[in-house]
C-alpha atoms as a PDB file:
ATOM      1  CA  UNK A   1    -104.727  19.739 -89.693  1.00  0.00           C
ATOM      2  CA  UNK A   2    -107.603  21.272 -91.655  1.00  0.00           C
ATOM      3  CA  UNK A   3    -107.085  21.092 -95.410  1.00  0.00           C
ATOM      4  CA  UNK A   4    -109.366  22.066 -98.263  1.00  0.00           C
ATOM      5  CA  UNK A   5    -110.495  19.915-101.164  1.00  0.00           C
ATOM      6  CA  UNK A   6    -107.913  21.338-103.546  1.00  0.00           C
ATOM      7  CA  UNK A   7    -105.075  20.465-101.182  1.00  0.00           C
ATOM      8  CA  UNK A   8    -106.474  16.984-100.640  1.00  0.00           C
ATOM      9  CA  UNK A   9    -106.746  16.394-104.398  1.00  0.00           C
ATOM     10  CA  UNK A  10    -103.118  17.450-104.887  1.00  0.00           C
ATOM     11  CA  UNK A  11    -102.107  14.721-102.427  1.00  0.00           C
ATOM     12  CA  UNK A  12    -104.098  11.908-104.063  1.00  0.00           C
ATOM     13  CA  UNK A  13    -103.188   9.104-106.439  1.00  0.00           C
ATOM     14  CA  UNK A  14    -106.513   7.865-107.810  1.00  0.00           C
ATOM     15  CA  UNK A  15    -107.662   5.204-110.228  1.00  0.00           C
ATOM     16  CA  UNK A  16    -108.981   1.720-110.819  1.00  0.00           C
ATOM     17  CA  UNK A  17    -107.076  -1.537-110.636  1.00  0.00           C
ATOM     18  CA  UNK A  18    -109.518  -4.309-109.786  1.00  0.00           C
ATOM     19  CA  UNK A  19    -109.492  -7.530-111.818  1.00  0.00           C
ATOM     20  CA  UNK A  20    -112.416  -6.524-114.046  1.00  0.00           C
ATOM     21  CA  UNK A  21    -111.435  -2.874-114.617  1.00  0.00           C
ATOM     22  CA  UNK A  22    -112.694  -1.627-117.971  1.00  0.00           C
ATOM     23  CA  UNK A  23    -111.486   1.027-120.383  1.00  0.00           C
ATOM     24  CA  UNK A  24    -114.539   3.082-119.421  1.00  0.00           C
ATOM     25  CA  UNK A  25    -113.337   3.083-115.807  1.00  0.00           C
ATOM     26  CA  UNK A  26    -109.863   4.097-116.942  1.00  0.00           C
ATOM     27  CA  UNK A  27    -111.359   6.960-118.968  1.00  0.00           C
ATOM     28  CA  UNK A  28    -113.378   8.026-115.931  1.00  0.00           C
ATOM     29  CA  UNK A  29    -110.238   8.020-113.771  1.00  0.00           C
ATOM     30  CA  UNK A  30    -108.464  10.223-116.297  1.00  0.00           C
ATOM     31  CA  UNK A  31    -111.441  12.592-116.493  1.00  0.00           C
ATOM     32  CA  UNK A  32    -111.737  12.943-112.719  1.00  0.00           C
ATOM     33  CA  UNK A  33    -107.975  13.340-112.386  1.00  0.00           C
ATOM     34  CA  UNK A  34    -107.983  16.259-114.803  1.00  0.00           C
ATOM     35  CA  UNK A  35    -111.117  17.816-113.340  1.00  0.00           C
ATOM     36  CA  UNK A  36    -109.758  17.851-109.783  1.00  0.00           C
ATOM     37  CA  UNK A  37    -106.059  18.172-110.670  1.00  0.00           C
ATOM     38  CA  UNK A  38    -104.957  15.198-108.581  1.00  0.00           C
ATOM     39  CA  UNK A  39    -101.323  14.222-108.227  1.00  0.00           C
ATOM     40  CA  UNK A  40    -101.382  10.990-110.217  1.00  0.00           C
ATOM     41  CA  UNK A  41    -103.489   8.094-111.438  1.00  0.00           C
ATOM     42  CA  UNK A  42    -103.075   4.332-111.673  1.00  0.00           C
ATOM     43  CA  UNK A  43    -104.648   1.938-114.171  1.00  0.00           C
ATOM     44  CA  UNK A  44    -104.413  -1.686-115.205  1.00  0.00           C
ATOM     45  CA  UNK A  45    -100.953  -2.139-116.702  1.00  0.00           C
ATOM     46  CA  UNK A  46    -102.349  -2.926-120.157  1.00  0.00           C
ATOM     47  CA  UNK A  47    -103.550   0.700-120.344  1.00  0.00           C
ATOM     48  CA  UNK A  48    -100.164   2.212-119.491  1.00  0.00           C
ATOM     49  CA  UNK A  49     -99.378   3.690-122.894  1.00  0.00           C
ATOM     50  CA  UNK A  50    -102.988   4.764-123.444  1.00  0.00           C
ATOM     51  CA  UNK A  51    -103.141   6.551-120.092  1.00  0.00           C
ATOM     52  CA  UNK A  52     -99.707   8.121-120.643  1.00  0.00           C
ATOM     53  CA  UNK A  53    -100.874   9.540-123.989  1.00  0.00           C
ATOM     54  CA  UNK A  54    -104.106  10.854-122.456  1.00  0.00           C
ATOM     55  CA  UNK A  55    -102.255  12.511-119.558  1.00  0.00           C
ATOM     56  CA  UNK A  56     -99.452  14.054-121.595  1.00  0.00           C
ATOM     57  CA  UNK A  57     -99.174  17.784-120.897  1.00  0.00           C
ATOM     58  CA  UNK A  58    -101.649  17.667-118.001  1.00  0.00           C
ATOM     59  CA  UNK A  59     -99.022  17.666-115.237  1.00  0.00           C
ATOM     60  CA  UNK A  60    -100.671  14.568-113.749  1.00  0.00           C
ATOM     61  CA  UNK A  61     -98.392  11.614-113.118  1.00  0.00           C
ATOM     62  CA  UNK A  62     -99.002   7.992-114.081  1.00  0.00           C
ATOM     63  CA  UNK A  63     -98.022   5.317-111.576  1.00  0.00           C
ATOM     64  CA  UNK A  64     -98.487   1.699-110.710  1.00  0.00           C
ATOM     65  CA  UNK A  65     -96.514  -1.161-109.248  1.00  0.00           C
ATOM     66  CA  UNK A  66     -94.102  -3.172-111.348  1.00  0.00           C
ATOM     67  CA  UNK A  67     -94.540  -6.464-109.506  1.00  0.00           C
ATOM     68  CA  UNK A  68     -96.881  -8.656-107.445  1.00  0.00           C
ATOM     69  CA  UNK A  69     -98.183  -7.337-104.115  1.00  0.00           C
ATOM     70  CA  UNK A  70     -96.079  -9.813-102.128  1.00  0.00           C
ATOM     71  CA  UNK A  71     -92.901  -8.517-103.755  1.00  0.00           C
ATOM     72  CA  UNK A  72     -91.878 -12.093-104.564  1.00  0.00           C
ATOM     73  CA  UNK A  73     -90.911 -11.437-108.184  1.00  0.00           C
ATOM     74  CA  UNK A  74     -87.209 -11.882-108.783  1.00  0.00           C
ATOM     75  CA  UNK A  75     -85.001  -8.844-109.160  1.00  0.00           C
ATOM     76  CA  UNK A  76     -84.603  -9.276-112.906  1.00  0.00           C
ATOM     77  CA  UNK A  77     -88.362  -9.247-113.362  1.00  0.00           C
ATOM     78  CA  UNK A  78     -88.727  -6.048-111.334  1.00  0.00           C
ATOM     79  CA  UNK A  79     -85.892  -4.319-113.163  1.00  0.00           C
ATOM     80  CA  UNK A  80     -87.320  -5.265-116.547  1.00  0.00           C
ATOM     81  CA  UNK A  81     -90.797  -4.121-115.493  1.00  0.00           C
ATOM     82  CA  UNK A  82     -89.506  -0.780-114.267  1.00  0.00           C
ATOM     83  CA  UNK A  83     -87.593  -0.075-117.459  1.00  0.00           C
ATOM     84  CA  UNK A  84     -90.414  -1.283-119.685  1.00  0.00           C
ATOM     85  CA  UNK A  85     -93.135   0.837-118.110  1.00  0.00           C
ATOM     86  CA  UNK A  86     -90.907   3.898-117.995  1.00  0.00           C
ATOM     87  CA  UNK A  87     -90.486   3.446-121.747  1.00  0.00           C
ATOM     88  CA  UNK A  88     -94.274   3.316-122.129  1.00  0.00           C
ATOM     89  CA  UNK A  89     -94.810   6.549-120.224  1.00  0.00           C
ATOM     90  CA  UNK A  90     -94.873   5.764-116.513  1.00  0.00           C
ATOM     91  CA  UNK A  91     -93.725   8.815-114.520  1.00  0.00           C
ATOM     92  CA  UNK A  92     -93.689   7.289-111.018  1.00  0.00           C
ATOM     93  CA  UNK A  93     -92.688   3.744-110.097  1.00  0.00           C
ATOM     94  CA  UNK A  94     -93.978   1.577-107.262  1.00  0.00           C
ATOM     95  CA  UNK A  95     -92.289  -1.597-106.080  1.00  0.00           C
ATOM     96  CA  UNK A  96     -93.094  -3.938-103.201  1.00  0.00           C
ATOM     97  CA  UNK A  97     -90.923  -5.041-100.332  1.00  0.00           C
ATOM     98  CA  UNK A  98     -90.084  -8.707-100.876  1.00  0.00           C
ATOM     99  CA  UNK A  99     -92.009 -10.079 -97.913  1.00  0.00           C
ATOM    100  CA  UNK A 100     -90.558 -13.564 -98.302  1.00  0.00           C
ATOM    101  CA  UNK A 101     -87.001 -12.252 -97.990  1.00  0.00           C
ATOM    102  CA  UNK A 102     -87.992  -9.849 -95.244  1.00  0.00           C
ATOM    103  CA  UNK A 103     -89.870 -12.332 -93.062  1.00  0.00           C
ATOM    104  CA  UNK A 104     -86.923 -14.709 -93.478  1.00  0.00           C
ATOM    105  CA  UNK A 105     -84.738 -11.936 -92.023  1.00  0.00           C
ATOM    106  CA  UNK A 106     -82.843 -11.879 -95.318  1.00  0.00           C
ATOM    107  CA  UNK A 107     -82.519  -8.132 -94.981  1.00  0.00           C
ATOM    108  CA  UNK A 108     -79.547  -7.805 -97.324  1.00  0.00           C
ATOM    109  CA  UNK A 109     -81.486  -9.506-100.117  1.00  0.00           C
ATOM    110  CA  UNK A 110     -84.617  -7.437 -99.431  1.00  0.00           C
ATOM    111  CA  UNK A 111     -82.568  -4.230 -99.514  1.00  0.00           C
ATOM    112  CA  UNK A 112     -80.774  -5.163-102.745  1.00  0.00           C
ATOM    113  CA  UNK A 113     -84.158  -5.916-104.318  1.00  0.00           C
ATOM    114  CA  UNK A 114     -85.322  -2.338-103.717  1.00  0.00           C
ATOM    115  CA  UNK A 115     -81.972  -0.853-104.670  1.00  0.00           C
ATOM    116  CA  UNK A 116     -81.986  -2.655-108.023  1.00  0.00           C
ATOM    117  CA  UNK A 117     -85.225  -0.901-108.974  1.00  0.00           C
ATOM    118  CA  UNK A 118     -83.866   2.445-107.819  1.00  0.00           C
ATOM    119  CA  UNK A 119     -80.853   1.976-110.107  1.00  0.00           C
ATOM    120  CA  UNK A 120     -82.999   0.848-113.030  1.00  0.00           C
ATOM    121  CA  UNK A 121     -84.969   4.094-113.334  1.00  0.00           C
ATOM    122  CA  UNK A 122     -83.882   7.719-113.854  1.00  0.00           C
ATOM    123  CA  UNK A 123     -82.377   9.369-110.783  1.00  0.00           C
ATOM    124  CA  UNK A 124     -85.033  12.089-110.753  1.00  0.00           C
ATOM    125  CA  UNK A 125     -87.970   9.671-111.037  1.00  0.00           C
ATOM    126  CA  UNK A 126     -90.120   9.102-107.966  1.00  0.00           C
ATOM    127  CA  UNK A 127     -89.847   5.602-106.479  1.00  0.00           C
ATOM    128  CA  UNK A 128     -92.298   4.293-103.886  1.00  0.00           C
ATOM    129  CA  UNK A 129     -91.886   1.077-101.939  1.00  0.00           C
ATOM    130  CA  UNK A 130     -94.976  -0.624-100.540  1.00  0.00           C
ATOM    131  CA  UNK A 131     -94.115  -2.372 -97.287  1.00  0.00           C
ATOM    132  CA  UNK A 132     -97.535  -3.800 -96.277  1.00  0.00           C
ATOM    133  CA  UNK A 133     -97.667  -2.387 -92.740  1.00  0.00           C
ATOM    134  CA  UNK A 134    -100.555  -4.594 -91.497  1.00  0.00           C
ATOM    135  CA  UNK A 135     -98.367  -7.718 -91.590  1.00  0.00           C
ATOM    136  CA  UNK A 136     -95.284  -6.154 -89.966  1.00  0.00           C
ATOM    137  CA  UNK A 137     -94.417  -5.856 -86.283  1.00  0.00           C
ATOM    138  CA  UNK A 138     -93.358  -2.495 -84.882  1.00  0.00           C
ATOM    139  CA  UNK A 139     -89.703  -3.512 -85.094  1.00  0.00           C
ATOM    140  CA  UNK A 140     -90.160  -4.750 -88.660  1.00  0.00           C
ATOM    141  CA  UNK A 141     -91.798  -1.440 -89.550  1.00  0.00           C
ATOM    142  CA  UNK A 142     -88.689   0.360 -88.355  1.00  0.00           C
ATOM    143  CA  UNK A 143     -86.354  -1.959 -90.238  1.00  0.00           C
ATOM    144  CA  UNK A 144     -88.375  -1.805 -93.464  1.00  0.00           C
ATOM    145  CA  UNK A 145     -88.719   1.990 -93.334  1.00  0.00           C
ATOM    146  CA  UNK A 146     -85.004   2.489 -92.781  1.00  0.00           C
ATOM    147  CA  UNK A 147     -84.255   0.008 -95.550  1.00  0.00           C
ATOM    148  CA  UNK A 148     -86.341   2.076 -97.952  1.00  0.00           C
ATOM    149  CA  UNK A 149     -84.523   5.277 -97.014  1.00  0.00           C
ATOM    150  CA  UNK A 150     -81.133   3.621 -97.399  1.00  0.00           C
ATOM    151  CA  UNK A 151     -82.110   2.356-100.851  1.00  0.00           C
ATOM    152  CA  UNK A 152     -83.064   5.845-102.027  1.00  0.00           C
ATOM    153  CA  UNK A 153     -86.836   5.464-102.015  1.00  0.00           C
ATOM    154  CA  UNK A 154     -88.803   8.718-102.246  1.00  0.00           C
ATOM    155  CA  UNK A 155     -91.987   7.393-100.619  1.00  0.00           C
ATOM    156  CA  UNK A 156     -92.577   4.676 -98.060  1.00  0.00           C
ATOM    157  CA  UNK A 157     -96.071   3.420 -98.905  1.00  0.00           C
ATOM    158  CA  UNK A 158     -98.062   1.662 -96.225  1.00  0.00           C
ATOM    159  CA  UNK A 159     -99.850  -0.986 -98.287  1.00  0.00           C
ATOM    160  CA  UNK A 160    -102.410  -1.679-100.979  1.00  0.00           C
ATOM    161  CA  UNK A 161    -105.380  -2.486 -98.714  1.00  0.00           C
ATOM    162  CA  UNK A 162    -105.282  -6.228 -99.484  1.00  0.00           C
ATOM    163  CA  UNK A 163    -103.639  -7.167 -96.174  1.00  0.00           C
ATOM    164  CA  UNK A 164    -105.471  -4.818 -93.819  1.00  0.00           C
ATOM    165  CA  UNK A 165    -106.010  -1.164 -93.005  1.00  0.00           C
ATOM    166  CA  UNK A 166    -103.315   1.433 -92.544  1.00  0.00           C
ATOM    167  CA  UNK A 167    -103.252   2.571 -88.911  1.00  0.00           C
ATOM    168  CA  UNK A 168    -102.079   5.828 -87.372  1.00  0.00           C
ATOM    169  CA  UNK A 169     -99.791   3.745 -85.151  1.00  0.00           C
ATOM    170  CA  UNK A 170     -97.981   2.319 -88.169  1.00  0.00           C
ATOM    171  CA  UNK A 171     -97.679   5.726 -89.827  1.00  0.00           C
ATOM    172  CA  UNK A 172     -96.279   7.224 -86.630  1.00  0.00           C
ATOM    173  CA  UNK A 173     -93.570   4.543 -86.479  1.00  0.00           C
ATOM    174  CA  UNK A 174     -92.641   5.156 -90.113  1.00  0.00           C
ATOM    175  CA  UNK A 175     -92.505   8.923 -89.589  1.00  0.00           C
ATOM    176  CA  UNK A 176     -90.332   8.607 -86.483  1.00  0.00           C
ATOM    177  CA  UNK A 177     -87.984   6.250 -88.324  1.00  0.00           C
ATOM    178  CA  UNK A 178     -87.457   8.059 -91.593  1.00  0.00           C
ATOM    179  CA  UNK A 179     -87.284  11.554 -90.051  1.00  0.00           C
ATOM    180  CA  UNK A 180     -88.209  13.408 -93.275  1.00  0.00           C
ATOM    181  CA  UNK A 181     -85.582  11.520 -95.319  1.00  0.00           C
ATOM    182  CA  UNK A 182     -88.464  10.228 -97.433  1.00  0.00           C
ATOM    183  CA  UNK A 183     -92.171  10.906 -97.708  1.00  0.00           C
ATOM    184  CA  UNK A 184     -95.092   8.737 -96.617  1.00  0.00           C
ATOM    185  CA  UNK A 185     -97.990   7.490 -98.727  1.00  0.00           C
ATOM    186  CA  UNK A 186    -101.031   5.999 -96.977  1.00  0.00           C
ATOM    187  CA  UNK A 187    -103.549   3.797 -98.711  1.00  0.00           C
ATOM    188  CA  UNK A 188    -107.334   3.766 -98.561  1.00  0.00           C
ATOM    189  CA  UNK A 189    -109.803   2.519 -97.337  1.00  0.00           C
ATOM    190  CA  UNK A 190    -109.766   4.813 -94.326  1.00  0.00           C
ATOM    191  CA  UNK A 191    -111.913   4.416 -91.218  1.00  0.00           C
ATOM    192  CA  UNK A 192    -113.313   7.932 -91.598  1.00  0.00           C
ATOM    193  CA  UNK A 193    -112.290  11.424 -92.629  1.00  0.00           C
ATOM    194  CA  UNK A 194    -110.652  12.051 -89.255  1.00  0.00           C
ATOM    195  CA  UNK A 195    -108.113   9.380 -90.155  1.00  0.00           C
ATOM    196  CA  UNK A 196    -107.059  11.472 -93.147  1.00  0.00           C
ATOM    197  CA  UNK A 197    -106.575  14.544 -90.963  1.00  0.00           C
ATOM    198  CA  UNK A 198    -104.585  12.446 -88.461  1.00  0.00           C
ATOM    199  CA  UNK A 199    -102.370  11.088 -91.233  1.00  0.00           C
ATOM    200  CA  UNK A 200    -101.651  14.610 -92.497  1.00  0.00           C
ATOM    201  CA  UNK A 201    -100.688  15.649 -88.965  1.00  0.00           C
ATOM    202  CA  UNK A 202     -98.288  12.688 -88.817  1.00  0.00           C
ATOM    203  CA  UNK A 203     -96.601  13.741 -92.044  1.00  0.00           C
ATOM    204  CA  UNK A 204     -98.396  11.810 -94.776  1.00  0.00           C
ATOM    205  CA  UNK A 205     -98.061  13.664 -98.086  1.00  0.00           C
ATOM    206  CA  UNK A 206     -99.793  11.219-100.452  1.00  0.00           C
ATOM    207  CA  UNK A 207    -102.914   9.094-100.413  1.00  0.00           C
ATOM    208  CA  UNK A 208    -103.678   6.107-102.610  1.00  0.00           C
ATOM    209  CA  UNK A 209    -107.421   5.976-103.154  1.00  0.00           C
ATOM    210  CA  UNK A 210    -110.070   4.741-105.572  1.00  0.00           C
ATOM    211  CA  UNK A 211    -112.000   7.243-107.660  1.00  0.00           C
ATOM    212  CA  UNK A 212    -115.254   6.711-105.780  1.00  0.00           C
ATOM    213  CA  UNK A 213    -113.663   7.060-102.356  1.00  0.00           C
ATOM    214  CA  UNK A 214    -111.733  10.110-103.531  1.00  0.00           C
ATOM    215  CA  UNK A 215    -114.914  11.908-104.567  1.00  0.00           C
ATOM    216  CA  UNK A 216    -116.633  10.996-101.305  1.00  0.00           C
ATOM    217  CA  UNK A 217    -113.797  12.268 -99.110  1.00  0.00           C
ATOM    218  CA  UNK A 218    -113.161  15.303-101.312  1.00  0.00           C
ATOM    219  CA  UNK A 219    -116.712  16.526-100.733  1.00  0.00           C
ATOM    220  CA  UNK A 220    -116.531  15.936 -96.971  1.00  0.00           C
ATOM    221  CA  UNK A 221    -113.144  17.657 -96.641  1.00  0.00           C
ATOM    222  CA  UNK A 222    -114.195  20.633 -98.757  1.00  0.00           C
ATOM    223  CA  UNK A 223    -117.426  21.049 -96.787  1.00  0.00           C
ATOM    224  CA  UNK A 224    -115.573  20.792 -93.475  1.00  0.00           C
ATOM    225  CA  UNK A 225    -113.088  23.415 -94.641  1.00  0.00           C
ATOM    226  CA  UNK A 226    -115.798  25.835 -95.727  1.00  0.00           C
ATOM    227  CA  UNK A 227    -117.697  25.422 -92.479  1.00  0.00           C
ATOM    228  CA  UNK A 228    -114.529  25.887 -90.450  1.00  0.00           C
ATOM    229  CA  UNK A 229    -113.583  28.996 -92.423  1.00  0.00           C
ATOM    230  CA  UNK A 230    -117.027  30.491 -91.897  1.00  0.00           C
ATOM    231  CA  UNK A 231    -116.808  29.816 -88.154  1.00  0.00           C
END
């Protein structure tokens, strides 16, 4: 599906979250977010209140995960984190599938872990669950995706790029499993711009992407759209 830069920006969650992220990088994320009217931004957690204050009234959401990328934090920790960051101004919450529970086939415990976060935040607040697709089998992808839907998750998120790339195969399995009962968020880095178009065709409605990669793909997508419109 051909989309223009404006549409792409509206689907993107951008920001900086590496170990040495600085306030200047956070400020740049906020500036770019406002300039391009992206969907949301993410920052190091210590800048939550600062970013929330800077974004207030802009219509741009603030999001980040409330736990470690393995999802191993105990339920109480996740619940506290969710409530705490909502208090500070978070407008979207991300949690991680507890991979230790899940790989142990402790599906009840993994489900209750997600559900506890869902219950800890306002009913109308967006909740995303990151399932780390690169380390899951096809069958596990189906189980994890259905688990997210059953727990009331709004977005099934493919990963955070630390365990491998998001593939079209994984996204297709998620889409076929959830059947529009939730939305799909895919995470950068992407192989190329065609991957973004393929993801949109498969039903992806959000992209998690760094500021630099966002600007690079925005320019390519906008140029492709203009050339296609002229032709």
